[in-house]
Amino acid sequence: DRLRATGAFSEVAAGFLTGGLPVEEALAGLSATTVFIVPLFMSDGFFVRERIPERLALTGPVTERDGRRLTYLPPPALDDRFGDLVVARCAALAGDRDPAELDVLVVGHGTVKDPASETLTRRHAARLRGYRSVAPVFLEQEPGFLDALAARTGDLLVAGLFAANGYHADKDVRAALGLAVGQDDRIESNGHWIGYTGAIGADAGMTEIILAQVTRAAGSRD
């Protein structure tokens, strides 16, 4: 909807691997001969490298088929601008609190089956400076988010590297922080503050990142 509202494209469609309109049908429903395909994932793991290309019969970054040119872009989360967004969201959440008195947990999905999520989570965590501590943690590998949460002793800011405020961002992280859906901070009974960015992949700033990706890809074609 945000991309459509920019007026930059003749058509914009959303497709899904499970649930919603299947990616194959979303692509087939477009009439344009030039199509940019954006995988809205937080890393270039298995689904981005293998499952989407398999489902859409992509042969590489650019696929020419049936008079159409399909350009497969990297996940927006790999872009340096996404790192800027992580930094900005954390700063906005911290507000006028002294960063030097805040610990930060940057939460990624993680999986021992593929290093892509861990690599990107650590990369974006390294962008955060000036805080008392910054630690990349994960839901499905070590170091674990719940263990890190239990070990904290002071004010805490949590950054969620998720594509949407769904099961992981809300059910796993927000609930563990004692926050209601839509709530981003609270003061605990011991007086410590806790804040949560929510899923940064759902930020409106993702629209500009995708537009920049498409612009670069279109320019390289010329």
Protein backbone atom coordinates (compact mmCIF):
# COMPACT_ATOMS: atom_id res chain seq x y z
CA ASP A 1 0.00 0.00 0.00
CA ARG A 2 2.80 2.43 0.85
CA LEU A 3 4.65 1.71 -2.39
CA ARG A 4 1.43 2.02 -4.37
CA ALA A 5 0.72 5.37 -2.75
CA THR A 6 4.02 6.80 -4.03
CA GLY A 7 2.77 6.56 -7.60
CA ALA A 8 6.21 5.37 -8.70
CA PHE A 9 4.91 2.12 -10.20
CA SER A 10 2.13 1.15 -12.56
CA GLU A 11 1.31 -1.88 -10.41
CA VAL A 12 2.20 -3.17 -6.95
CA ALA A 13 1.21 -6.61 -5.65
CA ALA A 14 1.95 -8.56 -2.47
CA GLY A 15 2.50 -12.31 -2.64
CA PHE A 16 3.09 -14.87 0.09
CA LEU A 17 4.83 -18.21 0.52
CA THR A 18 2.16 -19.39 2.96
CA GLY A 19 -1.21 -17.77 3.53
CA GLY A 20 -2.58 -14.90 1.48
CA LEU A 21 -2.16 -14.65 -2.29
CA PRO A 22 0.54 -17.11 -3.43
CA VAL A 23 3.61 -15.45 -4.92
CA GLU A 24 3.03 -17.21 -8.25
CA GLU A 25 -0.47 -15.76 -8.55
CA ALA A 26 0.70 -12.31 -7.48
CA LEU A 27 3.31 -12.31 -10.26
CA ALA A 28 0.90 -13.71 -12.85
CA GLY A 29 -1.61 -10.97 -12.00
CA LEU A 30 0.79 -8.20 -13.07
CA SER A 31 0.63 -6.98 -16.66
CA ALA A 32 3.91 -5.02 -16.73
CA THR A 33 6.82 -6.41 -18.75
CA THR A 34 9.36 -5.12 -16.21
CA VAL A 35 8.90 -6.44 -12.69
CA PHE A 36 11.02 -5.92 -9.56
CA ILE A 37 10.63 -8.68 -6.97
CA VAL A 38 11.40 -7.69 -3.36
CA PRO A 39 11.78 -10.45 -0.73
CA LEU A 40 10.54 -8.90 2.50
CA PHE A 41 12.73 -10.93 4.83
CA MET A 42 15.23 -9.91 7.49
CA SER A 43 18.14 -11.82 5.92
CA ASP A 44 19.12 -13.66 2.75
CA GLY A 45 18.58 -17.10 4.21
CA PHE A 46 17.03 -20.25 2.76
CA PHE A 47 13.69 -18.76 1.74
CA VAL A 48 15.33 -15.86 -0.09
CA ARG A 49 18.12 -17.87 -1.71
CA GLU A 50 16.15 -20.96 -2.64
CA ARG A 51 12.43 -21.08 -1.95
CA ILE A 52 11.32 -17.85 -3.67
CA PRO A 53 13.47 -18.40 -6.79
CA GLU A 54 12.14 -21.95 -6.95
CA ARG A 55 8.51 -20.89 -6.60
CA LEU A 56 8.86 -18.14 -9.23
CA ALA A 57 11.19 -20.13 -11.53
CA LEU A 58 13.86 -17.43 -11.33
CA THR A 59 17.17 -18.23 -12.99
CA GLY A 60 19.25 -15.54 -11.29
CA PRO A 61 19.17 -11.84 -10.36
CA VAL A 62 17.53 -11.17 -13.74
CA THR A 63 15.21 -13.60 -15.49
CA GLU A 64 13.97 -13.03 -19.04
CA ARG A 65 10.82 -15.04 -19.71
CA ASP A 66 7.79 -14.74 -21.97
CA GLY A 67 8.65 -11.21 -22.96
CA ARG A 68 9.11 -10.08 -19.35
CA ARG A 69 12.16 -9.00 -17.39
CA LEU A 70 12.04 -10.10 -13.74
CA THR A 71 14.64 -8.49 -11.45
CA TYR A 72 15.09 -10.20 -8.10
CA LEU A 73 16.35 -7.74 -5.49
CA PRO A 74 18.13 -8.48 -2.20
CA PRO A 75 16.09 -8.23 1.03
CA PRO A 76 15.76 -4.54 2.04
CA ALA A 77 17.23 -5.44 5.45
CA LEU A 78 20.62 -5.97 3.77
CA ASP A 79 20.71 -2.33 2.69
CA ASP A 80 22.80 0.12 4.74
CA ARG A 81 19.70 2.31 4.95
CA PHE A 82 18.06 -0.38 7.06
CA GLY A 83 20.95 -0.06 9.49
CA ASP A 84 20.23 3.67 9.57
CA LEU A 85 16.61 2.85 10.36
CA VAL A 86 17.64 0.61 13.27
CA VAL A 87 19.79 3.41 14.68
CA ALA A 88 16.98 5.98 14.26
CA ARG A 89 14.31 3.77 15.82
CA CYS A 90 16.47 3.06 18.86
CA ALA A 91 17.31 6.77 19.30
CA ALA A 92 13.64 7.74 19.01
CA LEU A 93 12.63 5.13 21.59
CA ALA A 94 15.38 6.18 24.00
CA GLY A 95 14.13 9.77 23.78
CA ASP A 96 15.89 12.02 26.27
CA ARG A 97 17.36 9.12 28.25
CA ASP A 98 21.15 8.98 28.43
CA PRO A 99 22.25 6.21 26.01
CA ALA A 100 25.25 5.53 28.25
CA GLU A 101 22.80 4.26 30.87
CA LEU A 102 20.89 1.95 28.51
CA ASP A 103 21.63 -1.67 27.61
CA VAL A 104 20.45 -2.73 24.15
CA LEU A 105 19.39 -6.16 22.95
CA VAL A 106 19.13 -6.49 19.17
CA VAL A 107 16.85 -9.48 18.62
CA GLY A 108 17.01 -11.56 15.46
CA HIS A 109 15.37 -14.85 14.61
CA GLY A 110 18.55 -16.87 14.20
CA THR A 111 18.88 -20.54 13.32
CA VAL A 112 21.73 -23.02 13.59
CA LYS A 113 20.77 -24.25 10.10
CA ASP A 114 21.88 -21.06 8.34
CA PRO A 115 24.20 -18.21 9.43
CA ALA A 116 22.43 -15.48 7.41
CA SER A 117 20.17 -14.21 10.21
CA GLU A 118 22.99 -14.14 12.77
CA THR A 119 25.35 -12.36 10.36
CA LEU A 120 22.88 -9.58 9.59
CA THR A 121 21.76 -9.17 13.20
CA ARG A 122 25.36 -8.73 14.33
CA ARG A 123 26.03 -6.31 11.48
CA HIS A 124 23.15 -4.02 12.44
CA ALA A 125 23.94 -4.31 16.17
CA ALA A 126 27.45 -3.04 15.43
CA ARG A 127 25.93 0.21 14.14
CA LEU A 128 24.59 1.10 17.60
CA ARG A 129 27.13 3.15 19.53
CA GLY A 130 27.13 5.20 22.71
CA TYR A 131 24.96 2.79 24.71
CA ARG A 132 26.13 1.15 27.92
CA SER A 133 26.11 -2.20 26.12
CA VAL A 134 24.80 -3.63 22.85
CA ALA A 135 24.25 -7.36 22.38
CA PRO A 136 22.87 -9.31 19.40
CA VAL A 137 20.60 -12.11 20.67
CA PHE A 138 18.35 -14.67 19.03
CA LEU A 139 15.11 -16.57 19.38
CA GLU A 140 16.33 -19.89 17.99
CA GLN A 141 20.06 -20.02 18.68
CA GLU A 142 22.61 -18.85 21.22
CA PRO A 143 22.99 -16.34 22.71
CA GLY A 144 19.31 -16.57 23.52
CA PHE A 145 17.01 -13.60 24.01
CA LEU A 146 15.30 -14.97 27.13
CA ASP A 147 18.60 -15.71 28.85
CA ALA A 148 19.90 -12.23 28.05
CA LEU A 149 16.65 -10.71 29.30
CA ALA A 150 16.86 -12.61 32.59
CA ALA A 151 20.45 -11.47 33.13
CA ARG A 152 19.82 -7.73 32.72
CA THR A 153 20.13 -5.41 35.70
CA GLY A 154 19.26 -1.93 34.47
CA ASP A 155 17.29 0.07 31.94
CA LEU A 156 16.83 -1.86 28.70
CA LEU A 157 16.08 -1.03 25.07
CA VAL A 158 15.14 -3.90 22.76
CA ALA A 159 15.32 -3.63 18.94
CA GLY A 160 13.28 -6.16 16.96
CA LEU A 161 14.77 -7.28 13.64
CA PHE A 162 11.54 -8.72 12.30
CA ALA A 163 9.60 -8.07 9.13
CA ALA A 164 6.25 -7.58 10.85
CA ASN A 165 4.61 -7.35 14.25
CA GLY A 166 3.47 -10.94 14.14
CA TYR A 167 4.16 -14.08 16.09
CA HIS A 168 7.86 -13.55 16.86
CA ALA A 169 7.74 -9.77 17.36
CA ASP A 170 4.65 -9.85 19.59
CA LYS A 171 4.12 -13.35 20.98
CA ASP A 172 7.80 -14.07 21.64
CA VAL A 173 9.42 -10.71 22.33
CA ARG A 174 6.75 -8.23 23.36
CA ALA A 175 5.08 -10.73 25.66
CA ALA A 176 8.41 -11.64 27.30
CA LEU A 177 8.96 -7.95 28.00
CA GLY A 178 5.56 -7.68 29.69
CA LEU A 179 4.23 -5.29 27.05
CA ALA A 180 0.75 -5.31 25.56
CA VAL A 181 0.32 -5.34 21.79
CA GLY A 182 1.07 -1.84 20.57
CA GLN A 183 2.78 -0.81 23.82
CA ASP A 184 6.42 0.19 23.43
CA ASP A 185 7.65 0.90 26.94
CA ARG A 186 6.96 0.68 30.66
CA ILE A 187 8.54 1.20 34.07
CA GLU A 188 9.02 -1.95 36.11
CA SER A 189 8.28 -2.26 39.83
CA ASN A 190 12.00 -1.96 40.58
CA GLY A 191 12.08 1.39 38.81
CA HIS A 192 13.91 0.23 35.69
CA TRP A 193 12.68 1.30 32.25
CA ILE A 194 12.15 -1.13 29.40
CA GLY A 195 11.44 -0.15 25.81
CA TYR A 196 10.80 -2.06 22.57
CA THR A 197 10.99 -0.80 19.00
CA GLY A 198 8.61 -3.44 17.73
CA ALA A 199 9.30 -4.99 14.32
CA ILE A 200 11.59 -2.53 12.54
CA GLY A 201 10.76 -4.19 9.22
CA ALA A 202 7.24 -2.79 9.56
CA ASP A 203 8.51 0.80 9.71
CA ALA A 204 7.25 3.19 7.03
CA GLY A 205 10.90 3.93 6.24
CA MET A 206 11.08 0.57 4.45
CA THR A 207 9.26 2.20 1.54
CA GLU A 208 12.17 4.54 0.83
CA ILE A 209 14.65 1.68 1.12
CA ILE A 210 12.76 -0.37 -1.47
CA LEU A 211 12.41 2.64 -3.78
CA ALA A 212 16.17 3.18 -3.58
CA GLN A 213 16.81 -0.49 -4.34
CA VAL A 214 14.59 -0.37 -7.41
CA THR A 215 16.18 2.88 -8.59
CA ARG A 216 19.66 1.35 -8.36
CA ALA A 217 18.56 -1.80 -10.15
CA ALA A 218 16.83 0.17 -12.91
CA GLY A 219 19.92 2.36 -13.31
CA SER A 220 22.29 -0.59 -13.57
CA ARG A 221 20.10 -2.00 -16.32
CA ASP A 222 20.67 1.17 -18.36
